[in-house]
Amino acid sequence: RSAPRTIVPGLVVVGAVVSGVVAFIRAQLRRESEAINRAFSRQNTPEALERRNRSLLVDTEGDPKKTLYNILNW
């Protein structure tokens, strides 16, 4: 009879710790995602894309992001 009395508080503590850890991880991921989005929004301006296309010779050699060798695009 005393086993459920000792198990329930332990489960409550474990549940609280797990939910706290999950909330912390979610907040960190959201913060990091917003920082990355800000960085990419600064990089992907029309002027920056035009400079990229000129430096990579996209008009003559094709876009490297769309080539068969770009396994990150798969």
C-alpha atoms as a PDB file:
ATOM      1  CA  ARG A   1       0.000   0.000   0.000  1.00  0.00           C
ATOM      2  CA  SER A   2       2.842   2.432   0.574  1.00  0.00           C
ATOM      3  CA  ALA A   3       4.348   1.818  -2.888  1.00  0.00           C
ATOM      4  CA  PRO A   4       1.852   4.051  -4.790  1.00  0.00           C
ATOM      5  CA  ARG A   5       2.409   6.829  -2.261  1.00  0.00           C
ATOM      6  CA  THR A   6       6.127   6.871  -3.035  1.00  0.00           C
ATOM      7  CA  ILE A   7       5.796   6.379  -6.794  1.00  0.00           C
ATOM      8  CA  VAL A   8       3.341   9.207  -7.469  1.00  0.00           C
ATOM      9  CA  PRO A   9       5.496  12.043  -6.049  1.00  0.00           C
ATOM     10  CA  GLY A  10       8.473  10.682  -7.969  1.00  0.00           C
ATOM     11  CA  LEU A  11       6.481  10.672 -11.187  1.00  0.00           C
ATOM     12  CA  VAL A  12       5.329  14.231 -10.531  1.00  0.00           C
ATOM     13  CA  VAL A  13       8.928  15.371 -10.032  1.00  0.00           C
ATOM     14  CA  VAL A  14      10.131  13.539 -13.155  1.00  0.00           C
ATOM     15  CA  GLY A  15       7.254  14.995 -15.188  1.00  0.00           C
ATOM     16  CA  ALA A  16       8.017  18.511 -13.976  1.00  0.00           C
ATOM     17  CA  VAL A  17      11.717  18.166 -14.777  1.00  0.00           C
ATOM     18  CA  VAL A  18      11.037  16.734 -18.234  1.00  0.00           C
ATOM     19  CA  SER A  19       8.526  19.459 -19.078  1.00  0.00           C
ATOM     20  CA  GLY A  20      10.988  22.111 -17.871  1.00  0.00           C
ATOM     21  CA  VAL A  21      13.770  20.688 -20.022  1.00  0.00           C
ATOM     22  CA  VAL A  22      11.478  20.488 -23.050  1.00  0.00           C
ATOM     23  CA  ALA A  23      10.358  24.097 -22.547  1.00  0.00           C
ATOM     24  CA  PHE A  24      13.979  25.260 -22.268  1.00  0.00           C
ATOM     25  CA  ILE A  25      15.007  23.381 -25.420  1.00  0.00           C
ATOM     26  CA  ARG A  26      12.014  24.742 -27.327  1.00  0.00           C
ATOM     27  CA  ALA A  27      12.878  28.315 -26.300  1.00  0.00           C
ATOM     28  CA  GLN A  28      16.519  27.868 -27.309  1.00  0.00           C
ATOM     29  CA  LEU A  29      15.556  26.400 -30.696  1.00  0.00           C
ATOM     30  CA  ARG A  30      13.113  29.228 -31.335  1.00  0.00           C
ATOM     31  CA  ARG A  31      15.743  31.842 -30.435  1.00  0.00           C
ATOM     32  CA  GLU A  32      18.352  30.198 -32.664  1.00  0.00           C
ATOM     33  CA  SER A  33      15.868  29.855 -35.527  1.00  0.00           C
ATOM     34  CA  GLU A  34      15.016  33.554 -35.353  1.00  0.00           C
ATOM     35  CA  ALA A  35      18.709  34.474 -35.369  1.00  0.00           C
ATOM     36  CA  ILE A  36      19.355  32.292 -38.412  1.00  0.00           C
ATOM     37  CA  ASN A  37      16.308  33.719 -40.198  1.00  0.00           C
ATOM     38  CA  ARG A  38      17.587  37.257 -39.584  1.00  0.00           C
ATOM     39  CA  ALA A  39      21.016  36.338 -40.961  1.00  0.00           C
ATOM     40  CA  PHE A  40      19.554  34.749 -44.091  1.00  0.00           C
ATOM     41  CA  SER A  41      17.170  37.638 -44.680  1.00  0.00           C
ATOM     42  CA  ARG A  42      20.165  39.981 -44.742  1.00  0.00           C
ATOM     43  CA  GLN A  43      22.043  37.671 -47.117  1.00  0.00           C
ATOM     44  CA  ASN A  44      19.220  37.036 -49.567  1.00  0.00           C
ATOM     45  CA  THR A  45      18.606  40.577 -50.729  1.00  0.00           C
ATOM     46  CA  PRO A  46      18.268  41.078 -54.505  1.00  0.00           C
ATOM     47  CA  GLU A  47      21.647  42.836 -54.598  1.00  0.00           C
ATOM     48  CA  ALA A  48      23.365  39.989 -52.758  1.00  0.00           C
ATOM     49  CA  LEU A  49      21.774  37.394 -55.048  1.00  0.00           C
ATOM     50  CA  GLU A  50      22.909  39.354 -58.100  1.00  0.00           C
ATOM     51  CA  ARG A  51      26.497  39.473 -56.774  1.00  0.00           C
ATOM     52  CA  ARG A  52      26.331  35.734 -56.077  1.00  0.00           C
ATOM     53  CA  ASN A  53      25.076  34.976 -59.573  1.00  0.00           C
ATOM     54  CA  ARG A  54      27.850  37.085 -61.120  1.00  0.00           C
ATOM     55  CA  SER A  55      30.608  35.516 -59.014  1.00  0.00           C
ATOM     56  CA  LEU A  56      29.404  31.951 -59.649  1.00  0.00           C
ATOM     57  CA  LEU A  57      28.859  32.535 -63.384  1.00  0.00           C
ATOM     58  CA  VAL A  58      25.280  31.317 -63.133  1.00  0.00           C
ATOM     59  CA  ASP A  59      24.406  32.641 -66.610  1.00  0.00           C
ATOM     60  CA  THR A  60      27.115  30.608 -68.353  1.00  0.00           C
ATOM     61  CA  GLU A  61      27.602  27.552 -66.130  1.00  0.00           C
ATOM     62  CA  GLY A  62      24.193  27.171 -64.505  1.00  0.00           C
ATOM     63  CA  ASP A  63      23.101  27.531 -60.920  1.00  0.00           C
ATOM     64  CA  PRO A  64      25.241  25.349 -58.622  1.00  0.00           C
ATOM     65  CA  LYS A  65      22.258  24.950 -56.281  1.00  0.00           C
ATOM     66  CA  LYS A  66      20.414  23.068 -59.031  1.00  0.00           C
ATOM     67  CA  THR A  67      23.163  20.807 -60.347  1.00  0.00           C
ATOM     68  CA  LEU A  68      23.222  17.037 -60.076  1.00  0.00           C
ATOM     69  CA  TYR A  69      26.290  17.207 -57.845  1.00  0.00           C
ATOM     70  CA  ASN A  70      24.574  19.222 -55.134  1.00  0.00           C
ATOM     71  CA  ILE A  71      23.555  16.475 -52.707  1.00  0.00           C
ATOM     72  CA  LEU A  72      22.277  19.065 -50.234  1.00  0.00           C
ATOM     73  CA  ASN A  73      19.470  19.787 -52.688  1.00  0.00           C
ATOM     74  CA  TRP A  74      18.153  16.191 -52.584  1.00  0.00           C
END
